[in-house]
C-alpha atoms as a PDB file:
ATOM      1  CA  MET A   1     127.564 114.102 105.581  1.00  0.00           C
ATOM      2  CA  SER A   2     126.238 113.501 108.974  1.00  0.00           C
ATOM      3  CA  VAL A   3     125.250 110.654 110.732  1.00  0.00           C
ATOM      4  CA  ASP A   4     121.762 112.366 110.887  1.00  0.00           C
ATOM      5  CA  ALA A   5     121.714 113.205 107.160  1.00  0.00           C
ATOM      6  CA  LYS A   6     122.938 109.368 106.671  1.00  0.00           C
ATOM      7  CA  ALA A   7     120.139 108.303 108.599  1.00  0.00           C
ATOM      8  CA  GLU A   8     117.750 110.316 107.327  1.00  0.00           C
ATOM      9  CA  THR A   9     118.130 109.368 103.507  1.00  0.00           C
ATOM     10  CA  SER A  10     118.760 105.547 104.957  1.00  0.00           C
ATOM     11  CA  GLU A  11     115.103 106.449 106.767  1.00  0.00           C
ATOM     12  CA  GLU A  12     113.986 107.925 102.676  1.00  0.00           C
ATOM     13  CA  ARG A  13     115.086 104.823 100.867  1.00  0.00           C
ATOM     14  CA  ALA A  14     113.109 102.778 102.631  1.00  0.00           C
ATOM     15  CA  SER A  15     109.913 104.834 102.401  1.00  0.00           C
ATOM     16  CA  VAL A  16     110.221 105.153  99.310  1.00  0.00           C
ATOM     17  CA  GLU A  17     110.932 101.087  98.911  1.00  0.00           C
ATOM     18  CA  GLU A  18     107.876 100.730 100.970  1.00  0.00           C
ATOM     19  CA  MET A  19     106.238 102.845  98.402  1.00  0.00           C
ATOM     20  CA  ALA A  20     107.034 101.184  95.669  1.00  0.00           C
ATOM     21  CA  THR A  21     106.334  98.119  97.033  1.00  0.00           C
ATOM     22  CA  GLU A  22     102.302  99.482  98.058  1.00  0.00           C
ATOM     23  CA  LEU A  23     102.186 100.141  94.421  1.00  0.00           C
ATOM     24  CA  GLY A  24     102.968  96.665  93.242  1.00  0.00           C
ATOM     25  CA  GLU A  25     100.034  95.115  94.938  1.00  0.00           C
ATOM     26  CA  ALA A  26      98.396  98.146  93.965  1.00  0.00           C
ATOM     27  CA  ILE A  27      98.483  97.290  90.477  1.00  0.00           C
ATOM     28  CA  ALA A  28      97.847  93.888  91.364  1.00  0.00           C
ATOM     29  CA  ASP A  29      94.832  94.348  93.057  1.00  0.00           C
ATOM     30  CA  THR A  30      93.551  95.663  90.087  1.00  0.00           C
ATOM     31  CA  PRO A  31      90.542  94.541  87.243  1.00  0.00           C
ATOM     32  CA  GLU A  32      93.147  95.032  84.726  1.00  0.00           C
ATOM     33  CA  TYR A  33      96.109  92.758  85.913  1.00  0.00           C
ATOM     34  CA  GLN A  34      93.742  90.195  87.599  1.00  0.00           C
ATOM     35  CA  GLN A  35      91.553  90.335  84.290  1.00  0.00           C
ATOM     36  CA  PHE A  36      95.412  89.833  83.303  1.00  0.00           C
ATOM     37  CA  GLU A  37      96.833  86.603  85.668  1.00  0.00           C
ATOM     38  CA  GLU A  38      93.414  84.877  84.730  1.00  0.00           C
ATOM     39  CA  ALA A  39      93.853  84.942  81.210  1.00  0.00           C
ATOM     40  CA  LYS A  40      97.167  83.721  81.763  1.00  0.00           C
ATOM     41  CA  ALA A  41      96.300  80.685  83.273  1.00  0.00           C
ATOM     42  CA  ALA A  42      93.569  79.694  80.716  1.00  0.00           C
ATOM     43  CA  VAL A  43      95.853  79.974  77.906  1.00  0.00           C
ATOM     44  CA  GLU A  44      98.561  77.701  80.011  1.00  0.00           C
ATOM     45  CA  ALA A  45      95.983  75.140  80.699  1.00  0.00           C
ATOM     46  CA  ASP A  46      94.239  74.999  76.901  1.00  0.00           C
ATOM     47  CA  GLU A  47      95.488  72.255  75.343  1.00  0.00           C
ATOM     48  CA  ASP A  48      95.641  73.598  71.942  1.00  0.00           C
ATOM     49  CA  ALA A  49      95.933  76.890  72.469  1.00  0.00           C
ATOM     50  CA  GLN A  50      99.255  75.363  74.068  1.00  0.00           C
ATOM     51  CA  GLU A  51     100.202  72.562  70.923  1.00  0.00           C
ATOM     52  CA  LYS A  52      99.549  75.693  68.604  1.00  0.00           C
ATOM     53  CA  ILE A  53     102.059  77.982  71.051  1.00  0.00           C
ATOM     54  CA  ARG A  54     104.517  74.970  70.631  1.00  0.00           C
ATOM     55  CA  GLU A  55     104.756  75.295  66.503  1.00  0.00           C
ATOM     56  CA  PHE A  56     105.015  79.140  66.514  1.00  0.00           C
ATOM     57  CA  GLU A  57     107.087  78.801  68.497  1.00  0.00           C
ATOM     58  CA  ARG A  58     109.335  76.785  66.251  1.00  0.00           C
ATOM     59  CA  LEU A  59     108.932  78.361  62.919  1.00  0.00           C
ATOM     60  CA  ARG A  60     109.259  81.182  63.983  1.00  0.00           C
ATOM     61  CA  GLN A  61     113.530  79.031  65.408  1.00  0.00           C
ATOM     62  CA  GLU A  62     113.476  78.011  61.921  1.00  0.00           C
ATOM     63  CA  PHE A  63     112.606  81.308  59.868  1.00  0.00           C
ATOM     64  CA  MET A  64     115.165  83.325  63.273  1.00  0.00           C
ATOM     65  CA  LEU A  65     117.685  80.225  61.263  1.00  0.00           C
ATOM     66  CA  ALA A  66     117.115  80.607  58.100  1.00  0.00           C
ATOM     67  CA  ARG A  67     116.939  84.343  58.081  1.00  0.00           C
ATOM     68  CA  GLN A  68     120.757  84.480  59.935  1.00  0.00           C
ATOM     69  CA  THR A  69     122.835  81.925  57.127  1.00  0.00           C
ATOM     70  CA  GLY A  70     120.264  83.652  54.582  1.00  0.00           C
ATOM     71  CA  GLU A  71     118.057  81.037  53.718  1.00  0.00           C
ATOM     72  CA  ALA A  72     114.682  82.843  54.400  1.00  0.00           C
ATOM     73  CA  THR A  73     112.179  82.177  51.955  1.00  0.00           C
ATOM     74  CA  GLN A  74     108.506  84.386  52.075  1.00  0.00           C
ATOM     75  CA  GLU A  75     106.845  81.116  51.916  1.00  0.00           C
ATOM     76  CA  ASP A  76     109.089  81.380  55.493  1.00  0.00           C
ATOM     77  CA  VAL A  77     107.236  84.478  56.019  1.00  0.00           C
ATOM     78  CA  THR A  78     104.082  83.226  55.892  1.00  0.00           C
ATOM     79  CA  LYS A  79     104.237  80.785  57.294  1.00  0.00           C
ATOM     80  CA  VAL A  80     105.392  82.011  60.557  1.00  0.00           C
ATOM     81  CA  GLN A  81     102.561  84.777  60.145  1.00  0.00           C
ATOM     82  CA  GLU A  82     100.001  82.017  59.462  1.00  0.00           C
ATOM     83  CA  ALA A  83     101.168  79.641  62.851  1.00  0.00           C
ATOM     84  CA  GLN A  84     100.466  83.174  64.530  1.00  0.00           C
ATOM     85  CA  GLN A  85      97.145  84.178  62.968  1.00  0.00           C
ATOM     86  CA  GLU A  86      95.707  80.884  63.907  1.00  0.00           C
ATOM     87  CA  LEU A  87      97.067  81.275  67.238  1.00  0.00           C
ATOM     88  CA  HIS A  88      95.744  83.665  67.497  1.00  0.00           C
ATOM     89  CA  SER A  89      92.076  83.307  66.149  1.00  0.00           C
ATOM     90  CA  LEU A  90      91.418  81.153  69.560  1.00  0.00           C
ATOM     91  CA  PRO A  91      89.881  82.659  71.834  1.00  0.00           C
ATOM     92  CA  VAL A  92      91.572  81.846  75.045  1.00  0.00           C
ATOM     93  CA  MET A  93      94.166  83.365  73.111  1.00  0.00           C
ATOM     94  CA  GLU A  94      92.027  86.750  72.390  1.00  0.00           C
ATOM     95  CA  GLU A  95      91.164  86.919  75.578  1.00  0.00           C
ATOM     96  CA  TYR A  96      93.738  86.808  76.185  1.00  0.00           C
ATOM     97  CA  LEU A  97      95.838  89.183  73.975  1.00  0.00           C
ATOM     98  CA  GLU A  98      92.459  91.584  74.751  1.00  0.00           C
ATOM     99  CA  ALA A  99      93.893  91.877  79.094  1.00  0.00           C
ATOM    100  CA  GLN A 100      97.181  91.830  78.260  1.00  0.00           C
ATOM    101  CA  ASP A 101      96.599  95.260  75.865  1.00  0.00           C
ATOM    102  CA  LYS A 102      94.317  96.521  78.764  1.00  0.00           C
ATOM    103  CA  LEU A 103      96.922  95.974  81.059  1.00  0.00           C
ATOM    104  CA  ASP A 104      99.381  97.414  79.004  1.00  0.00           C
ATOM    105  CA  ALA A 105      97.055 100.775  79.021  1.00  0.00           C
ATOM    106  CA  ARG A 106      97.053 100.928  83.065  1.00  0.00           C
ATOM    107  CA  LEU A 107     100.176 100.286  82.658  1.00  0.00           C
ATOM    108  CA  GLU A 108     101.065 103.759  80.896  1.00  0.00           C
ATOM    109  CA  ASP A 109      99.083 105.665  82.702  1.00  0.00           C
ATOM    110  CA  LEU A 110     100.387 104.689  85.672  1.00  0.00           C
ATOM    111  CA  ASN A 111     103.777 105.272  84.760  1.00  0.00           C
ATOM    112  CA  ARG A 112     102.870 108.853  83.229  1.00  0.00           C
ATOM    113  CA  ALA A 113     101.184 109.395  86.828  1.00  0.00           C
ATOM    114  CA  VAL A 114     104.825 108.876  88.496  1.00  0.00           C
ATOM    115  CA  SER A 115     106.629 109.511  85.489  1.00  0.00           C
ATOM    116  CA  ALA A 116     105.461 113.375  85.066  1.00  0.00           C
ATOM    117  CA  PRO A 117     106.970 114.852  88.366  1.00  0.00           C
ATOM    118  CA  LEU A 118     110.132 113.883  87.074  1.00  0.00           C
ATOM    119  CA  ALA A 119     112.553 114.771  84.308  1.00  0.00           C
ATOM    120  CA  VAL A 120     112.495 111.238  82.972  1.00  0.00           C
ATOM    121  CA  ASP A 121     110.111 108.032  82.350  1.00  0.00           C
ATOM    122  CA  PHE A 122     109.038 106.460  85.100  1.00  0.00           C
ATOM    123  CA  GLY A 123     108.874 103.013  82.806  1.00  0.00           C
ATOM    124  CA  GLN A 124     111.454 103.086  80.528  1.00  0.00           C
ATOM    125  CA  GLN A 125     114.075 104.010  82.662  1.00  0.00           C
ATOM    126  CA  ALA A 126     112.628 100.903  84.840  1.00  0.00           C
ATOM    127  CA  GLY A 127     113.168  98.717  81.424  1.00  0.00           C
ATOM    128  CA  GLY A 128     116.571  98.317  81.654  1.00  0.00           C
ATOM    129  CA  CYS A 129     119.670 100.450  81.708  1.00  0.00           C
ATOM    130  CA  CYS A 130     120.893  99.997  77.580  1.00  0.00           C
ATOM    131  CA  GLN A 131     118.894 101.191  76.249  1.00  0.00           C
ATOM    132  CA  ASP A 132     118.911 101.754  71.626  1.00  0.00           C
ATOM    133  CA  GLU A 133     118.263 105.840  70.618  1.00  0.00           C
END
């Protein structure tokens, strides 16, 4: 490979990375992303939501440990589900989950647009190296 070809490859790589950065910035400017960030901040600032999140996580961890030791019961599953329902019923959490769904849908649309000219699913490939198939 000639020095010129290496330079072009390096320039092309920089150009693609620059476009990727611009895409990230453009995504951050979308209404879906802005609403998600606002909803996330609201959940983080809401003490009731934070308490319910901690309770849900505590119950979920207890359930996971019980399941690993074979001691999990249907009652344990029910407790975790009820804590999750209670958490998700908070208005601030409902708004967060709705914003997250809208952002996920927008990102999936963008993934399809980026993936269209490629032979791979960009979002799935970018998401990790070790996919279970």
